[in-house]
Protein backbone atom coordinates (compact mmCIF):
# COMPACT_ATOMS: atom_id res chain seq x y z
CA UNK A 1 -29.26 -7.03 1.17
CA UNK A 2 -30.00 -7.82 4.87
CA UNK A 3 -32.80 -5.98 6.61
CA UNK A 4 -30.76 -3.63 8.89
CA UNK A 5 -33.70 -3.23 11.28
CA UNK A 6 -33.60 -6.92 12.11
CA UNK A 7 -29.89 -7.83 11.82
CA UNK A 8 -26.88 -5.64 12.53
CA UNK A 9 -24.90 -4.86 9.46
CA UNK A 10 -21.55 -6.46 9.09
CA UNK A 11 -18.33 -4.60 9.85
CA UNK A 12 -15.24 -5.56 7.83
CA UNK A 13 -12.13 -5.27 9.92
CA UNK A 14 -9.02 -5.68 7.76
CA UNK A 15 -6.17 -7.58 9.55
CA UNK A 16 -2.67 -7.26 8.20
CA UNK A 17 -0.01 -9.91 8.82
CA UNK A 18 3.68 -9.42 8.10
CA UNK A 19 6.25 -12.08 7.42
CA UNK A 20 9.97 -11.41 6.57
CA UNK A 21 9.79 -14.14 3.86
CA UNK A 22 7.34 -16.43 2.18
CA UNK A 23 5.92 -19.18 4.27
CA UNK A 24 6.49 -22.86 3.60
CA UNK A 25 4.16 -24.12 0.82
CA UNK A 26 3.89 -20.74 -0.92
CA UNK A 27 4.50 -20.58 -4.66
CA UNK A 28 6.27 -17.41 -5.91
CA UNK A 29 7.21 -16.20 -9.39
CA UNK A 30 10.82 -15.04 -10.16
CA UNK A 31 10.33 -13.38 -13.57
CA UNK A 32 8.97 -10.15 -12.13
CA UNK A 33 9.69 -6.50 -12.86
CA UNK A 34 12.04 -4.81 -10.38
CA UNK A 35 12.10 -1.65 -8.34
CA UNK A 36 15.37 0.00 -7.74
CA UNK A 37 16.22 2.39 -4.85
CA UNK A 38 19.06 4.81 -4.49
CA UNK A 39 21.79 4.13 -2.09
CA UNK A 40 21.85 7.47 -0.22
CA UNK A 41 18.16 8.57 -0.04
CA UNK A 42 16.57 5.11 -0.45
CA UNK A 43 14.24 6.72 -3.05
CA UNK A 44 12.74 4.66 -5.78
CA UNK A 45 14.32 5.29 -9.21
CA UNK A 46 11.89 6.60 -11.73
CA UNK A 47 14.19 5.81 -14.63
CA UNK A 48 16.51 2.91 -15.40
CA UNK A 49 19.31 1.77 -13.03
CA UNK A 50 22.03 1.90 -15.71
CA UNK A 51 25.70 2.79 -16.21
CA UNK A 52 25.27 5.44 -18.83
CA UNK A 53 28.93 5.48 -19.74
CA UNK A 54 30.20 5.26 -16.20
CA UNK A 55 31.72 2.20 -14.33
CA UNK A 56 28.82 2.27 -11.81
CA UNK A 57 25.02 2.19 -11.96
CA UNK A 58 22.86 5.15 -11.13
CA UNK A 59 19.46 6.62 -11.69
CA UNK A 60 17.22 9.54 -10.93
CA UNK A 61 14.82 9.81 -8.06
CA UNK A 62 12.56 12.62 -6.78
CA UNK A 63 15.67 13.71 -4.64
CA UNK A 64 18.10 13.86 -7.41
CA UNK A 65 20.43 11.24 -8.80
CA UNK A 66 21.98 8.38 -6.81
CA UNK A 67 23.90 5.17 -6.98
CA UNK A 68 21.81 2.03 -7.38
CA UNK A 69 22.26 -1.72 -7.81
CA UNK A 70 21.33 -3.25 -11.15
CA UNK A 71 20.00 -6.48 -9.41
CA UNK A 72 19.78 -7.98 -5.93
CA UNK A 73 22.75 -8.84 -3.92
CA UNK A 74 25.26 -6.80 -5.89
CA UNK A 75 26.74 -3.40 -5.38
CA UNK A 76 26.46 -0.45 -7.86
CA UNK A 77 29.25 -1.89 -9.93
CA UNK A 78 27.76 -5.40 -10.18
CA UNK A 79 30.13 -6.94 -7.60
CA UNK A 80 28.55 -9.81 -5.60
CA UNK A 81 27.64 -8.96 -1.99
CA UNK A 82 28.66 -11.39 0.80
CA UNK A 83 25.50 -13.16 2.02
CA UNK A 84 26.46 -12.54 5.68
CA UNK A 85 26.72 -8.76 4.99
CA UNK A 86 23.92 -7.96 2.60
CA UNK A 87 22.88 -4.59 1.41
CA UNK A 88 21.98 -2.45 4.46
CA UNK A 89 22.83 0.84 6.17
CA UNK A 90 24.86 -0.58 9.05
CA UNK A 91 24.47 2.66 10.91
CA UNK A 92 25.68 4.81 8.15
CA UNK A 93 23.95 7.33 5.89
CA UNK A 94 23.73 5.09 2.84
CA UNK A 95 23.40 1.52 1.85
CA UNK A 96 26.33 -0.61 1.34
CA UNK A 97 27.48 -4.39 1.46
CA UNK A 98 30.55 -6.26 2.07
CA UNK A 99 31.81 -7.85 -1.15
CA UNK A 100 32.65 -11.49 -1.73
CA UNK A 101 36.05 -10.36 -3.21
CA UNK A 102 36.68 -8.26 -0.10
CA UNK A 103 36.12 -4.65 0.77
CA UNK A 104 32.76 -2.85 0.77
CA UNK A 105 30.68 -1.29 -1.99
CA UNK A 106 27.64 1.05 -2.32
CA UNK A 107 24.41 -0.58 -3.14
CA UNK A 108 20.72 0.11 -3.28
CA UNK A 109 17.64 -1.98 -2.32
CA UNK A 110 16.19 -3.91 -5.25
CA UNK A 111 12.55 -5.38 -4.76
CA UNK A 112 10.09 -7.12 -6.90
CA UNK A 113 7.17 -5.00 -8.14
CA UNK A 114 3.95 -6.29 -6.37
CA UNK A 115 1.74 -4.21 -8.56
CA UNK A 116 2.20 -2.23 -11.84
CA UNK A 117 0.25 0.86 -11.98
CA UNK A 118 -0.75 2.45 -15.30
CA UNK A 119 -1.52 6.15 -15.74
CA UNK A 120 -4.82 7.36 -17.14
CA UNK A 121 -3.11 7.39 -20.58
CA UNK A 122 -2.30 3.65 -20.26
CA UNK A 123 1.45 4.21 -19.70
CA UNK A 124 3.30 2.11 -16.95
CA UNK A 125 4.34 4.12 -13.89
CA UNK A 126 8.10 3.86 -13.30
CA UNK A 127 7.80 4.57 -9.54
CA UNK A 128 5.05 4.56 -6.85
CA UNK A 129 1.63 6.00 -7.41
CA UNK A 130 1.74 8.77 -4.87
CA UNK A 131 -0.57 11.32 -3.39
CA UNK A 132 -0.26 15.12 -4.07
CA UNK A 133 -1.76 16.65 -0.94
CA UNK A 134 -2.41 20.13 -2.23
CA UNK A 135 -3.96 18.97 -5.49
CA UNK A 136 -5.75 15.89 -3.92
CA UNK A 137 -4.83 13.55 -6.74
CA UNK A 138 -2.55 10.56 -7.30
CA UNK A 139 0.36 10.76 -9.77
CA UNK A 140 3.47 8.96 -10.89
CA UNK A 141 6.54 9.38 -13.11
CA UNK A 142 6.54 7.70 -16.54
CA UNK A 143 9.34 7.21 -19.08
CA UNK A 144 8.67 10.56 -20.60
CA UNK A 145 7.45 12.66 -17.61
CA UNK A 146 4.55 12.22 -15.17
CA UNK A 147 0.78 11.66 -15.34
CA UNK A 148 -2.25 10.85 -13.10
CA UNK A 149 -2.78 7.31 -11.73
CA UNK A 150 -5.02 5.53 -9.30
CA UNK A 151 -3.85 4.23 -5.88
CA UNK A 152 -6.49 1.58 -5.65
CA UNK A 153 -8.27 -0.58 -8.25
CA UNK A 154 -11.44 0.80 -9.74
CA UNK A 155 -10.86 4.23 -8.23
CA UNK A 156 -10.42 7.48 -10.10
CA UNK A 157 -7.15 9.36 -9.86
CA UNK A 158 -8.81 11.56 -7.29
CA UNK A 159 -9.68 8.33 -5.38
CA UNK A 160 -13.37 8.36 -6.07
CA UNK A 161 -14.84 4.87 -6.29
CA UNK A 162 -15.94 3.67 -9.71
CA UNK A 163 -19.62 2.63 -10.06
CA UNK A 164 -19.89 -1.06 -8.99
CA UNK A 165 -21.17 -2.13 -12.30
CA UNK A 166 -18.57 -0.20 -14.37
CA UNK A 167 -14.96 -1.02 -13.72
CA UNK A 168 -12.02 1.20 -14.69
CA UNK A 169 -11.08 0.48 -18.33
CA UNK A 170 -10.17 2.01 -21.70
CA UNK A 171 -13.47 0.99 -23.54
CA UNK A 172 -11.93 1.66 -26.90
CA UNK A 173 -10.31 4.97 -25.93
CA UNK A 174 -6.67 5.93 -25.54
CA UNK A 175 -7.24 6.60 -21.83
CA UNK A 176 -8.90 4.72 -18.96
CA UNK A 177 -11.90 5.94 -17.26
CA UNK A 178 -15.14 4.87 -15.40
CA UNK A 179 -18.55 5.95 -14.46
CA UNK A 180 -18.85 7.13 -10.88
CA UNK A 181 -22.53 7.66 -10.50
CA UNK A 182 -25.83 6.29 -11.73
CA UNK A 183 -26.25 9.48 -13.64
CA UNK A 184 -23.27 8.62 -15.78
CA UNK A 185 -20.85 11.18 -14.39
CA UNK A 186 -17.34 9.86 -15.20
CA UNK A 187 -13.72 10.58 -14.64
CA UNK A 188 -10.35 9.28 -15.43
CA UNK A 189 -8.73 6.33 -13.63
CA UNK A 190 -5.54 4.36 -13.75
CA UNK A 191 -5.40 0.59 -14.33
CA UNK A 192 -3.62 -1.52 -11.84
CA UNK A 193 -2.01 -4.40 -13.64
CA UNK A 194 -2.44 -8.03 -12.60
CA UNK A 195 1.26 -8.67 -13.54
CA UNK A 196 2.10 -9.11 -9.93
CA UNK A 197 4.94 -10.90 -8.30
CA UNK A 198 3.40 -12.49 -5.29
CA UNK A 199 3.17 -15.69 -3.26
CA UNK A 200 0.07 -17.77 -3.47
CA UNK A 201 -0.47 -19.48 -0.17
CA UNK A 202 -1.27 -23.16 -0.58
CA UNK A 203 -2.38 -23.64 2.91
CA UNK A 204 -2.96 -21.58 6.11
CA UNK A 205 0.04 -21.19 8.34
CA UNK A 206 -0.09 -21.29 12.10
CA UNK A 207 0.30 -17.59 12.26
CA UNK A 208 -2.72 -16.89 9.96
CA UNK A 209 -5.80 -15.67 11.73
CA UNK A 210 -7.98 -18.89 12.14
CA UNK A 211 -11.45 -17.58 11.07
CA UNK A 212 -10.68 -14.82 8.61
CA UNK A 213 -10.84 -14.89 4.87
CA UNK A 214 -7.67 -13.90 3.01
CA UNK A 215 -8.13 -10.87 0.65
CA UNK A 216 -4.60 -10.56 -0.82
CA UNK A 217 -0.96 -11.42 -0.28
CA UNK A 218 2.06 -9.53 -1.69
CA UNK A 219 5.43 -8.06 -0.78
CA UNK A 220 5.82 -4.69 0.73
CA UNK A 221 8.61 -2.25 -0.28
CA UNK A 222 11.10 -4.08 2.02
CA UNK A 223 10.47 -7.46 0.55
CA UNK A 224 8.40 -8.59 3.50
CA UNK A 225 5.33 -10.76 2.82
CA UNK A 226 2.20 -8.86 3.84
CA UNK A 227 -1.17 -10.61 3.91
CA UNK A 228 -4.60 -8.97 4.20
CA UNK A 229 -7.50 -10.77 5.89
CA UNK A 230 -11.11 -9.64 6.54
CA UNK A 231 -12.90 -10.24 9.82
CA UNK A 232 -16.63 -9.46 9.39
CA UNK A 233 -17.88 -9.76 12.98
CA UNK A 234 -18.73 -6.36 14.42
CA UNK A 235 -21.42 -3.68 14.02
CA UNK A 236 -20.67 -0.72 11.79
CA UNK A 237 -22.27 2.80 11.88
CA UNK A 238 -24.26 4.10 8.90
CA UNK A 239 -22.28 6.21 6.39
CA UNK A 240 -23.20 8.00 3.06
CA UNK A 241 -21.35 9.06 -0.05
CA UNK A 242 -20.13 12.41 1.45
CA UNK A 243 -18.72 10.71 4.49
CA UNK A 244 -16.94 8.13 2.52
CA UNK A 245 -15.42 10.84 0.26
CA UNK A 246 -14.27 12.64 3.46
CA UNK A 247 -12.93 9.40 4.83
CA UNK A 248 -10.81 8.78 1.69
CA UNK A 249 -9.40 12.26 1.98
CA UNK A 250 -8.53 11.50 5.53
CA UNK A 251 -6.98 8.12 4.51
CA UNK A 252 -4.83 9.77 1.94
CA UNK A 253 -3.35 11.92 4.70
CA UNK A 254 -2.24 8.74 6.54
CA UNK A 255 1.50 8.77 5.86
CA UNK A 256 4.61 7.21 7.61
CA UNK A 257 4.98 10.24 9.81
CA UNK A 258 1.45 9.63 11.21
CA UNK A 259 2.30 6.03 11.77
CA UNK A 260 5.39 7.20 13.68
CA UNK A 261 3.11 9.00 16.20
CA UNK A 262 1.33 5.72 17.15
CA UNK A 263 2.18 4.24 20.53
CA UNK A 264 0.50 2.02 23.08
CA UNK A 265 -1.96 4.60 24.32
CA UNK A 266 -5.36 5.31 22.73
CA UNK A 267 -6.17 8.66 21.22
CA UNK A 268 -7.00 10.54 17.98
CA UNK A 269 -4.15 10.76 15.51
CA UNK A 270 -5.74 12.91 12.74
CA UNK A 271 -9.28 14.30 12.26
CA UNK A 272 -11.34 16.22 9.66
CA UNK A 273 -14.67 18.03 10.01
CA UNK A 274 -16.79 15.04 10.51
CA UNK A 275 -14.34 12.13 10.98
CA UNK A 276 -11.28 11.10 12.87
CA UNK A 277 -8.80 8.20 12.86
CA UNK A 278 -8.49 6.81 16.39
CA UNK A 279 -5.71 4.65 17.75
CA UNK A 280 -7.63 2.25 20.10
CA UNK A 281 -4.33 1.08 21.58
CA UNK A 282 -2.25 -2.01 21.36
CA UNK A 283 -3.56 -5.48 21.01
CA UNK A 284 -1.69 -8.84 20.89
CA UNK A 285 -2.11 -11.68 18.32
CA UNK A 286 0.10 -14.75 18.00
CA UNK A 287 2.69 -13.09 20.29
CA UNK A 288 2.94 -9.98 18.12
CA UNK A 289 1.87 -6.48 18.89
CA UNK A 290 -0.82 -4.79 16.57
CA UNK A 291 -2.24 -1.31 16.27
CA UNK A 292 -6.05 -1.24 16.46
CA UNK A 293 -7.12 1.74 14.22
CA UNK A 294 -10.67 3.00 13.50
CA UNK A 295 -12.20 5.74 11.35
CA UNK A 296 -14.91 7.20 13.68
CA UNK A 297 -17.70 9.68 13.04
CA UNK A 298 -17.36 12.77 15.24
CA UNK A 299 -20.50 12.54 17.21
CA UNK A 300 -21.60 11.14 20.65
CA UNK A 301 -22.36 7.49 20.45
CA UNK A 302 -25.90 6.35 21.45
CA UNK A 303 -26.58 3.07 23.18
CA UNK A 304 -26.57 0.23 20.51
CA UNK A 305 -25.07 2.50 17.93
CA UNK A 306 -21.65 2.29 16.28
CA UNK A 307 -19.82 5.38 14.97
CA UNK A 308 -17.01 3.27 13.39
CA UNK A 309 -17.07 3.18 9.61
CA UNK A 310 -13.83 1.38 8.96
CA UNK A 311 -11.29 -0.59 11.09
CA UNK A 312 -7.86 -2.18 10.64
CA UNK A 313 -5.52 -4.06 12.88
CA UNK A 314 -1.92 -3.87 11.65
CA UNK A 315 1.26 -5.19 13.23
CA UNK A 316 3.90 -2.72 14.39
CA UNK A 317 6.15 -1.87 11.60
CA UNK A 318 3.45 -1.92 8.90
CA UNK A 319 4.05 0.85 6.20
CA UNK A 320 1.49 3.67 5.79
CA UNK A 321 0.71 2.61 2.14
CA UNK A 322 -0.43 -0.80 3.12
CA UNK A 323 -2.56 0.68 6.00
CA UNK A 324 -4.16 3.03 3.47
CA UNK A 325 -5.04 0.13 1.29
CA UNK A 326 -6.54 -1.67 4.17
CA UNK A 327 -8.53 1.21 5.43
CA UNK A 328 -9.94 1.87 1.91
CA UNK A 329 -10.87 -1.86 1.54
CA UNK A 330 -12.63 -1.86 4.97
CA UNK A 331 -14.47 1.38 4.02
CA UNK A 332 -15.51 0.07 0.60
CA UNK A 333 -16.55 -3.44 1.57
CA UNK A 334 -17.62 -3.00 5.20
CA UNK A 335 -21.31 -2.14 4.69
CA UNK A 336 -23.12 1.02 5.80
CA UNK A 337 -23.52 2.06 2.26
C-alpha cells in the first residue's frame, strides 16, 4: 500500500455511459433469461408471464396482476407488433403496440436479465433484489414466496461488505454466507450469478472515456447499454468502517425520486448524521450532460484535505439502481480504507 504521507491516495470516480443499443463490434448473447413487465403499472412480474387458461398472457407483480407479453415485440396475445410502432405508452396509461395484422394490442416490456440474483437459501430471485427501507435489508420474490438477497456481489443481505479474503459462498451449507470481520463474525449473503446477458466490447468506441478503465458493461431495465468506467485521478478523504456503513445506508436511500430532484444547480440532495450526497452540478462530456455526484463528510474542509469518500458522474437519465451500484463501487474500491 502506498505511504499516504508521501503520496495522495487515489480516488476512484465511477463514470457511467449510456447507449440505446450495443455499439459496433460488441458481441452479445441471445439465449438469456427474460424479465417481463406488466402493461399498466410497468412492474416486473415475479411469476411467469403465462396464459393460465385465458386467451392472453398475464402475471403477478407487487401491484397486483397485469397483462404482459410472453416475448419481445408481441402483444399480450402473442400477436406481432409493427416495428414502426413498438411497445410503448404513446401518451396513455399503459403499454401498447400497433399490430402487423392491424389494430392495437396491449403489451408489456420484455428485457434480458443482466444479472441473476439468488437468495440466501440459493434460490433464484424472480424479480429485482430490492431494498426494504424500514428493515434495512434487501429482498426479492421467489417461486414459492420471498427471501433475503444481496444487491451487490460479496455483500451481505444488509449490505455489509464481506471480508476481502472470504467471498460470498455456500461452503457446503444449504445457504450462502461470508465472514465480515477478521474476528470471524459472519452473516448471510446472496450470490449474484455470472449467467449474464451482456455485450462484451471488442474495442473502445469514440464515446468511451479515453483514459478510464472499463469496470462492467450491461443492459439497464429499459434495454439501454450502460458501461461503468473508473477514473482514479483525484484525492480522497480518509474514511473508516463506521463511515462506510453509514454511507451504504445513505446509498440505499438513493431512489428514482431522489434522481428526479437533480437539476443543473449544485446542492445537497440527501444527508445523514455524518455524511451527505451532494450534486456538484452539471458537466458535459462528449456532447452529453452528466450529473456530478459526491458523498461528502459533514465537516469543514481544511487546506489540502478532501472530504469526498465516493464520487460518480452519470449521464442524465441514468436509473437510481445503476447509480447505487456505482456509488458502492467507488466507496469500496476508491481507497481511504
